[in-house]
């Protein structure tokens, strides 16, 4: 399953790259893209694990950029 999300308060391209790299390491994630320019995130992951994966994604995003929120 591939889903796109809007990000708010993502303040720098370096943080976006850190998020993307960390998300790609989560079990079940096939691909991830975090764009600072468009403030969007695309995640491709297993359907059956998507909810658990998104919880981990939110945790990763808060660690890297505490003010950044994912619009579901």
PDB file of N, CA and C in Angstrom:
ATOM      1  N   UNK A   1       0.838  -1.167   0.000  1.00  0.00           N
ATOM      2  CA  UNK A   1       0.000   0.000   0.000  1.00  0.00           C
ATOM      3  C   UNK A   1       0.890   1.239   0.000  1.00  0.00           C
ATOM      4  N   UNK A   2       0.525   2.205  -0.807  1.00  0.00           N
ATOM      5  CA  UNK A   2       1.270   3.451  -0.897  1.00  0.00           C
ATOM      6  C   UNK A   2       0.338   4.585  -0.497  1.00  0.00           C
ATOM      7  N   UNK A   3       0.767   5.394   0.475  1.00  0.00           N
ATOM      8  CA  UNK A   3      -0.057   6.504   0.941  1.00  0.00           C
ATOM      9  C   UNK A   3       0.768   7.773   1.006  1.00  0.00           C
ATOM     10  N   UNK A   4       0.081   8.894   0.771  1.00  0.00           N
ATOM     11  CA  UNK A   4       0.719  10.209   0.847  1.00  0.00           C
ATOM     12  C   UNK A   4       0.134  10.979   2.018  1.00  0.00           C
ATOM     13  N   UNK A   5       0.996  11.739   2.682  1.00  0.00           N
ATOM     14  CA  UNK A   5       0.590  12.533   3.836  1.00  0.00           C
ATOM     15  C   UNK A   5       1.154  13.935   3.715  1.00  0.00           C
ATOM     16  N   UNK A   6       0.401  14.913   4.202  1.00  0.00           N
ATOM     17  CA  UNK A   6       0.871  16.294   4.243  1.00  0.00           C
ATOM     18  C   UNK A   6       1.556  16.520   5.584  1.00  0.00           C
ATOM     19  N   UNK A   7       2.670  17.217   5.541  1.00  0.00           N
ATOM     20  CA  UNK A   7       3.420  17.542   6.751  1.00  0.00           C
ATOM     21  C   UNK A   7       3.266  19.027   7.054  1.00  0.00           C
ATOM     22  N   UNK A   8       3.205  19.358   8.331  1.00  0.00           N
ATOM     23  CA  UNK A   8       3.195  20.772   8.715  1.00  0.00           C
ATOM     24  C   UNK A   8       4.346  21.013   9.687  1.00  0.00           C
ATOM     25  N   UNK A   9       4.931  22.191   9.588  1.00  0.00           N
ATOM     26  CA  UNK A   9       6.039  22.628  10.445  1.00  0.00           C
ATOM     27  C   UNK A   9       7.323  21.820  10.265  1.00  0.00           C
ATOM     28  N   UNK A  10       7.557  21.334   9.052  1.00  0.00           N
ATOM     29  CA  UNK A  10       8.846  20.712   8.734  1.00  0.00           C
ATOM     30  C   UNK A  10       9.772  21.849   8.326  1.00  0.00           C
ATOM     31  N   UNK A  11      10.791  22.113   9.152  1.00  0.00           N
ATOM     32  CA  UNK A  11      11.561  23.347   9.015  1.00  0.00           C
ATOM     33  C   UNK A  11      12.842  23.276   8.197  1.00  0.00           C
ATOM     34  N   UNK A  12      13.363  22.078   7.920  1.00  0.00           N
ATOM     35  CA  UNK A  12      14.615  22.055   7.152  1.00  0.00           C
ATOM     36  C   UNK A  12      14.755  20.778   6.322  1.00  0.00           C
ATOM     37  N   UNK A  13      15.492  20.899   5.232  1.00  0.00           N
ATOM     38  CA  UNK A  13      15.699  19.775   4.319  1.00  0.00           C
ATOM     39  C   UNK A  13      16.517  18.668   4.985  1.00  0.00           C
ATOM     40  N   UNK A  14      17.451  19.044   5.852  1.00  0.00           N
ATOM     41  CA  UNK A  14      18.258  18.053   6.554  1.00  0.00           C
ATOM     42  C   UNK A  14      17.379  17.182   7.457  1.00  0.00           C
ATOM     43  N   UNK A  15      16.433  17.793   8.130  1.00  0.00           N
ATOM     44  CA  UNK A  15      15.505  17.031   8.993  1.00  0.00           C
ATOM     45  C   UNK A  15      14.656  16.080   8.146  1.00  0.00           C
ATOM     46  N   UNK A  16      14.221  16.549   6.981  1.00  0.00           N
ATOM     47  CA  UNK A  16      13.432  15.698   6.082  1.00  0.00           C
ATOM     48  C   UNK A  16      14.250  14.476   5.666  1.00  0.00           C
ATOM     49  N   UNK A  17      15.523  14.681   5.358  1.00  0.00           N
ATOM     50  CA  UNK A  17      16.398  13.567   4.962  1.00  0.00           C
ATOM     51  C   UNK A  17      16.600  12.589   6.127  1.00  0.00           C
ATOM     52  N   UNK A  18      16.772  13.116   7.333  1.00  0.00           N
ATOM     53  CA  UNK A  18      16.929  12.247   8.507  1.00  0.00           C
ATOM     54  C   UNK A  18      15.674  11.416   8.733  1.00  0.00           C
ATOM     55  N   UNK A  19      14.504  12.051   8.597  1.00  0.00           N
ATOM     56  CA  UNK A  19      13.236  11.331   8.753  1.00  0.00           C
ATOM     57  C   UNK A  19      13.113  10.223   7.724  1.00  0.00           C
ATOM     58  N   UNK A  20      13.398  10.563   6.472  1.00  0.00           N
ATOM     59  CA  UNK A  20      13.283   9.596   5.375  1.00  0.00           C
ATOM     60  C   UNK A  20      14.171   8.386   5.630  1.00  0.00           C
ATOM     61  N   UNK A  21      15.421   8.622   6.014  1.00  0.00           N
ATOM     62  CA  UNK A  21      16.350   7.515   6.274  1.00  0.00           C
ATOM     63  C   UNK A  21      15.887   6.644   7.429  1.00  0.00           C
ATOM     64  N   UNK A  22      15.371   7.255   8.483  1.00  0.00           N
ATOM     65  CA  UNK A  22      14.901   6.495   9.644  1.00  0.00           C
ATOM     66  C   UNK A  22      13.641   5.699   9.306  1.00  0.00           C
ATOM     67  N   UNK A  23      12.747   6.285   8.525  1.00  0.00           N
ATOM     68  CA  UNK A  23      11.502   5.605   8.153  1.00  0.00           C
ATOM     69  C   UNK A  23      11.808   4.390   7.280  1.00  0.00           C
ATOM     70  N   UNK A  24      12.773   4.520   6.388  1.00  0.00           N
ATOM     71  CA  UNK A  24      13.134   3.403   5.511  1.00  0.00           C
ATOM     72  C   UNK A  24      13.657   2.201   6.291  1.00  0.00           C
ATOM     73  N   UNK A  25      14.159   2.418   7.503  1.00  0.00           N
ATOM     74  CA  UNK A  25      14.703   1.338   8.323  1.00  0.00           C
ATOM     75  C   UNK A  25      13.634   0.604   9.127  1.00  0.00           C
ATOM     76  N   UNK A  26      12.405   1.119   9.158  1.00  0.00           N
ATOM     77  CA  UNK A  26      11.324   0.482   9.914  1.00  0.00           C
ATOM     78  C   UNK A  26      10.908  -0.801   9.193  1.00  0.00           C
ATOM     79  N   UNK A  27      10.756  -1.897   9.955  1.00  0.00           N
ATOM     80  CA  UNK A  27      10.326  -3.176   9.382  1.00  0.00           C
ATOM     81  C   UNK A  27       8.960  -3.028   8.721  1.00  0.00           C
ATOM     82  N   UNK A  28       8.851  -3.542   7.496  1.00  0.00           N
ATOM     83  CA  UNK A  28       7.585  -3.491   6.763  1.00  0.00           C
ATOM     84  C   UNK A  28       7.505  -2.347   5.776  1.00  0.00           C
ATOM     85  N   UNK A  29       8.412  -1.372   5.880  1.00  0.00           N
ATOM     86  CA  UNK A  29       8.417  -0.239   4.944  1.00  0.00           C
ATOM     87  C   UNK A  29       9.211  -0.637   3.707  1.00  0.00           C
ATOM     88  N   UNK A  30       8.563  -0.550   2.548  1.00  0.00           N
ATOM     89  CA  UNK A  30       9.244  -0.866   1.287  1.00  0.00           C
ATOM     90  C   UNK A  30       9.971   0.355   0.741  1.00  0.00           C
ATOM     91  N   UNK A  31       9.337   1.535   0.884  1.00  0.00           N
ATOM     92  CA  UNK A  31       9.957   2.767   0.397  1.00  0.00           C
ATOM     93  C   UNK A  31       9.349   3.945   1.138  1.00  0.00           C
ATOM     94  N   UNK A  32      10.118   5.021   1.238  1.00  0.00           N
ATOM     95  CA  UNK A  32       9.638   6.241   1.883  1.00  0.00           C
ATOM     96  C   UNK A  32      10.289   7.437   1.207  1.00  0.00           C
ATOM     97  N   UNK A  33       9.533   8.525   1.139  1.00  0.00           N
ATOM     98  CA  UNK A  33      10.044   9.763   0.571  1.00  0.00           C
ATOM     99  C   UNK A  33       9.486  10.908   1.396  1.00  0.00           C
ATOM    100  N   UNK A  34      10.373  11.778   1.889  1.00  0.00           N
ATOM    101  CA  UNK A  34       9.955  12.959   2.638  1.00  0.00           C
ATOM    102  C   UNK A  34      10.500  14.163   1.892  1.00  0.00           C
ATOM    103  N   UNK A  35       9.590  15.016   1.419  1.00  0.00           N
ATOM    104  CA  UNK A  35       9.988  16.182   0.634  1.00  0.00           C
ATOM    105  C   UNK A  35       9.814  17.463   1.445  1.00  0.00           C
ATOM    106  N   UNK A  36      10.930  18.145   1.681  1.00  0.00           N
ATOM    107  CA  UNK A  36      10.875  19.427   2.380  1.00  0.00           C
ATOM    108  C   UNK A  36      10.194  20.479   1.513  1.00  0.00           C
ATOM    109  N   UNK A  37      10.488  20.475   0.230  1.00  0.00           N
ATOM    110  CA  UNK A  37       9.942  21.494  -0.676  1.00  0.00           C
ATOM    111  C   UNK A  37       8.423  21.451  -0.765  1.00  0.00           C
ATOM    112  N   UNK A  38       7.853  20.258  -0.856  1.00  0.00           N
ATOM    113  CA  UNK A  38       6.399  20.143  -0.989  1.00  0.00           C
ATOM    114  C   UNK A  38       5.703  19.895   0.339  1.00  0.00           C
ATOM    115  N   UNK A  39       6.497  19.648   1.396  1.00  0.00           N
ATOM    116  CA  UNK A  39       5.953  19.340   2.718  1.00  0.00           C
ATOM    117  C   UNK A  39       5.046  18.105   2.671  1.00  0.00           C
ATOM    118  N   UNK A  40       5.496  17.083   1.916  1.00  0.00           N
ATOM    119  CA  UNK A  40       4.725  15.849   1.785  1.00  0.00           C
ATOM    120  C   UNK A  40       5.608  14.640   2.057  1.00  0.00           C
ATOM    121  N   UNK A  41       4.943  13.573   2.502  1.00  0.00           N
ATOM    122  CA  UNK A  41       5.620  12.319   2.784  1.00  0.00           C
ATOM    123  C   UNK A  41       4.846  11.199   2.105  1.00  0.00           C
ATOM    124  N   UNK A  42       5.576  10.313   1.427  1.00  0.00           N
ATOM    125  CA  UNK A  42       4.973   9.144   0.789  1.00  0.00           C
ATOM    126  C   UNK A  42       5.583   7.906   1.426  1.00  0.00           C
ATOM    127  N   UNK A  43       4.704   6.986   1.822  1.00  0.00           N
ATOM    128  CA  UNK A  43       5.164   5.745   2.441  1.00  0.00           C
ATOM    129  C   UNK A  43       4.536   4.572   1.727  1.00  0.00           C
ATOM    130  N   UNK A  44       5.380   3.613   1.357  1.00  0.00           N
ATOM    131  CA  UNK A  44       4.912   2.365   0.767  1.00  0.00           C
ATOM    132  C   UNK A  44       5.258   1.256   1.748  1.00  0.00           C
ATOM    133  N   UNK A  45       4.205   0.564   2.227  1.00  0.00           N
ATOM    134  CA  UNK A  45       4.418  -0.451   3.264  1.00  0.00           C
ATOM    135  C   UNK A  45       3.367  -1.551   3.165  1.00  0.00           C
ATOM    136  N   UNK A  46       3.596  -2.617   3.927  1.00  0.00           N
ATOM    137  CA  UNK A  46       2.658  -3.736   3.974  1.00  0.00           C
ATOM    138  C   UNK A  46       1.306  -3.279   4.514  1.00  0.00           C
ATOM    139  N   UNK A  47       0.230  -3.682   3.839  1.00  0.00           N
ATOM    140  CA  UNK A  47      -1.128  -3.320   4.261  1.00  0.00           C
ATOM    141  C   UNK A  47      -1.429  -3.766   5.680  1.00  0.00           C
ATOM    142  N   UNK A  48      -1.077  -5.000   5.997  1.00  0.00           N
ATOM    143  CA  UNK A  48      -1.445  -5.580   7.287  1.00  0.00           C
ATOM    144  C   UNK A  48      -0.747  -4.900   8.469  1.00  0.00           C
ATOM    145  N   UNK A  49       0.375  -4.253   8.211  1.00  0.00           N
ATOM    146  CA  UNK A  49       1.147  -3.620   9.287  1.00  0.00           C
ATOM    147  C   UNK A  49       1.083  -2.099   9.256  1.00  0.00           C
ATOM    148  N   UNK A  50       0.262  -1.529   8.374  1.00  0.00           N
ATOM    149  CA  UNK A  50       0.328  -0.095   8.120  1.00  0.00           C
ATOM    150  C   UNK A  50       0.063   0.752   9.373  1.00  0.00           C
ATOM    151  N   UNK A  51      -0.913   0.368  10.192  1.00  0.00           N
ATOM    152  CA  UNK A  51      -1.208   1.154  11.395  1.00  0.00           C
ATOM    153  C   UNK A  51      -0.037   1.165  12.371  1.00  0.00           C
ATOM    154  N   UNK A  52       0.565  -0.007  12.584  1.00  0.00           N
ATOM    155  CA  UNK A  52       1.717  -0.082  13.487  1.00  0.00           C
ATOM    156  C   UNK A  52       2.900   0.703  12.920  1.00  0.00           C
ATOM    157  N   UNK A  53       3.087   0.606  11.614  1.00  0.00           N
ATOM    158  CA  UNK A  53       4.181   1.333  10.960  1.00  0.00           C
ATOM    159  C   UNK A  53       3.981   2.837  11.126  1.00  0.00           C
ATOM    160  N   UNK A  54       2.747   3.305  10.957  1.00  0.00           N
ATOM    161  CA  UNK A  54       2.489   4.741  11.077  1.00  0.00           C
ATOM    162  C   UNK A  54       2.734   5.246  12.498  1.00  0.00           C
ATOM    163  N   UNK A  55       2.502   4.412  13.502  1.00  0.00           N
ATOM    164  CA  UNK A  55       2.823   4.807  14.877  1.00  0.00           C
ATOM    165  C   UNK A  55       4.334   5.025  15.025  1.00  0.00           C
ATOM    166  N   UNK A  56       5.113   4.117  14.440  1.00  0.00           N
ATOM    167  CA  UNK A  56       6.574   4.262  14.482  1.00  0.00           C
ATOM    168  C   UNK A  56       7.025   5.482  13.687  1.00  0.00           C
ATOM    169  N   UNK A  57       6.385   5.717  12.537  1.00  0.00           N
ATOM    170  CA  UNK A  57       6.724   6.883  11.701  1.00  0.00           C
ATOM    171  C   UNK A  57       6.494   8.167  12.491  1.00  0.00           C
ATOM    172  N   UNK A  58       5.370   8.262  13.184  1.00  0.00           N
ATOM    173  CA  UNK A  58       5.087   9.457  13.977  1.00  0.00           C
ATOM    174  C   UNK A  58       6.122   9.645  15.077  1.00  0.00           C
ATOM    175  N   UNK A  59       6.539   8.558  15.697  1.00  0.00           N
ATOM    176  CA  UNK A  59       7.554   8.626  16.737  1.00  0.00           C
ATOM    177  C   UNK A  59       8.882   9.135  16.178  1.00  0.00           C
ATOM    178  N   UNK A  60       9.277   8.599  15.026  1.00  0.00           N
ATOM    179  CA  UNK A  60      10.514   9.027  14.366  1.00  0.00           C
ATOM    180  C   UNK A  60      10.453  10.515  14.029  1.00  0.00           C
ATOM    181  N   UNK A  61       9.330  10.946  13.483  1.00  0.00           N
ATOM    182  CA  UNK A  61       9.184  12.354  13.087  1.00  0.00           C
ATOM    183  C   UNK A  61       9.274  13.274  14.295  1.00  0.00           C
ATOM    184  N   UNK A  62       8.679  12.875  15.411  1.00  0.00           N
ATOM    185  CA  UNK A  62       8.737  13.700  16.632  1.00  0.00           C
ATOM    186  C   UNK A  62      10.162  13.796  17.173  1.00  0.00           C
ATOM    187  N   UNK A  63      10.931  12.716  17.048  1.00  0.00           N
ATOM    188  CA  UNK A  63      12.313  12.740  17.529  1.00  0.00           C
ATOM    189  C   UNK A  63      13.175  13.685  16.704  1.00  0.00           C
ATOM    190  N   UNK A  64      12.981  13.656  15.394  1.00  0.00           N
ATOM    191  CA  UNK A  64      13.805  14.473  14.499  1.00  0.00           C
ATOM    192  C   UNK A  64      13.350  15.927  14.495  1.00  0.00           C
ATOM    193  N   UNK A  65      12.046  16.137  14.397  1.00  0.00           N
ATOM    194  CA  UNK A  65      11.470  17.489  14.285  1.00  0.00           C
ATOM    195  C   UNK A  65      10.243  17.546  15.195  1.00  0.00           C
ATOM    196  N   UNK A  66      10.415  17.924  16.478  1.00  0.00           N
ATOM    197  CA  UNK A  66       9.319  17.863  17.448  1.00  0.00           C
ATOM    198  C   UNK A  66       8.059  18.639  17.049  1.00  0.00           C
ATOM    199  N   UNK A  67       8.193  19.716  16.292  1.00  0.00           N
ATOM    200  CA  UNK A  67       7.027  20.519  15.910  1.00  0.00           C
ATOM    201  C   UNK A  67       6.310  20.001  14.668  1.00  0.00           C
ATOM    202  N   UNK A  68       6.914  19.074  13.965  1.00  0.00           N
ATOM    203  CA  UNK A  68       6.339  18.551  12.720  1.00  0.00           C
ATOM    204  C   UNK A  68       5.172  17.619  13.023  1.00  0.00           C
ATOM    205  N   UNK A  69       4.076  17.812  12.282  1.00  0.00           N
ATOM    206  CA  UNK A  69       2.919  16.923  12.433  1.00  0.00           C
ATOM    207  C   UNK A  69       2.558  16.326  11.090  1.00  0.00           C
ATOM    208  N   UNK A  70       2.012  15.108  11.145  1.00  0.00           N
ATOM    209  CA  UNK A  70       1.584  14.398   9.945  1.00  0.00           C
ATOM    210  C   UNK A  70       0.075  14.503   9.864  1.00  0.00           C
ATOM    211  N   UNK A  71      -0.417  15.052   8.761  1.00  0.00           N
ATOM    212  CA  UNK A  71      -1.867  15.171   8.549  1.00  0.00           C
ATOM    213  C   UNK A  71      -2.385  13.868   7.959  1.00  0.00           C
ATOM    214  N   UNK A  72      -3.184  13.140   8.724  1.00  0.00           N
ATOM    215  CA  UNK A  72      -3.696  11.848   8.277  1.00  0.00           C
ATOM    216  C   UNK A  72      -5.000  12.014   7.528  1.00  0.00           C
TER     217      UNK A  72
END
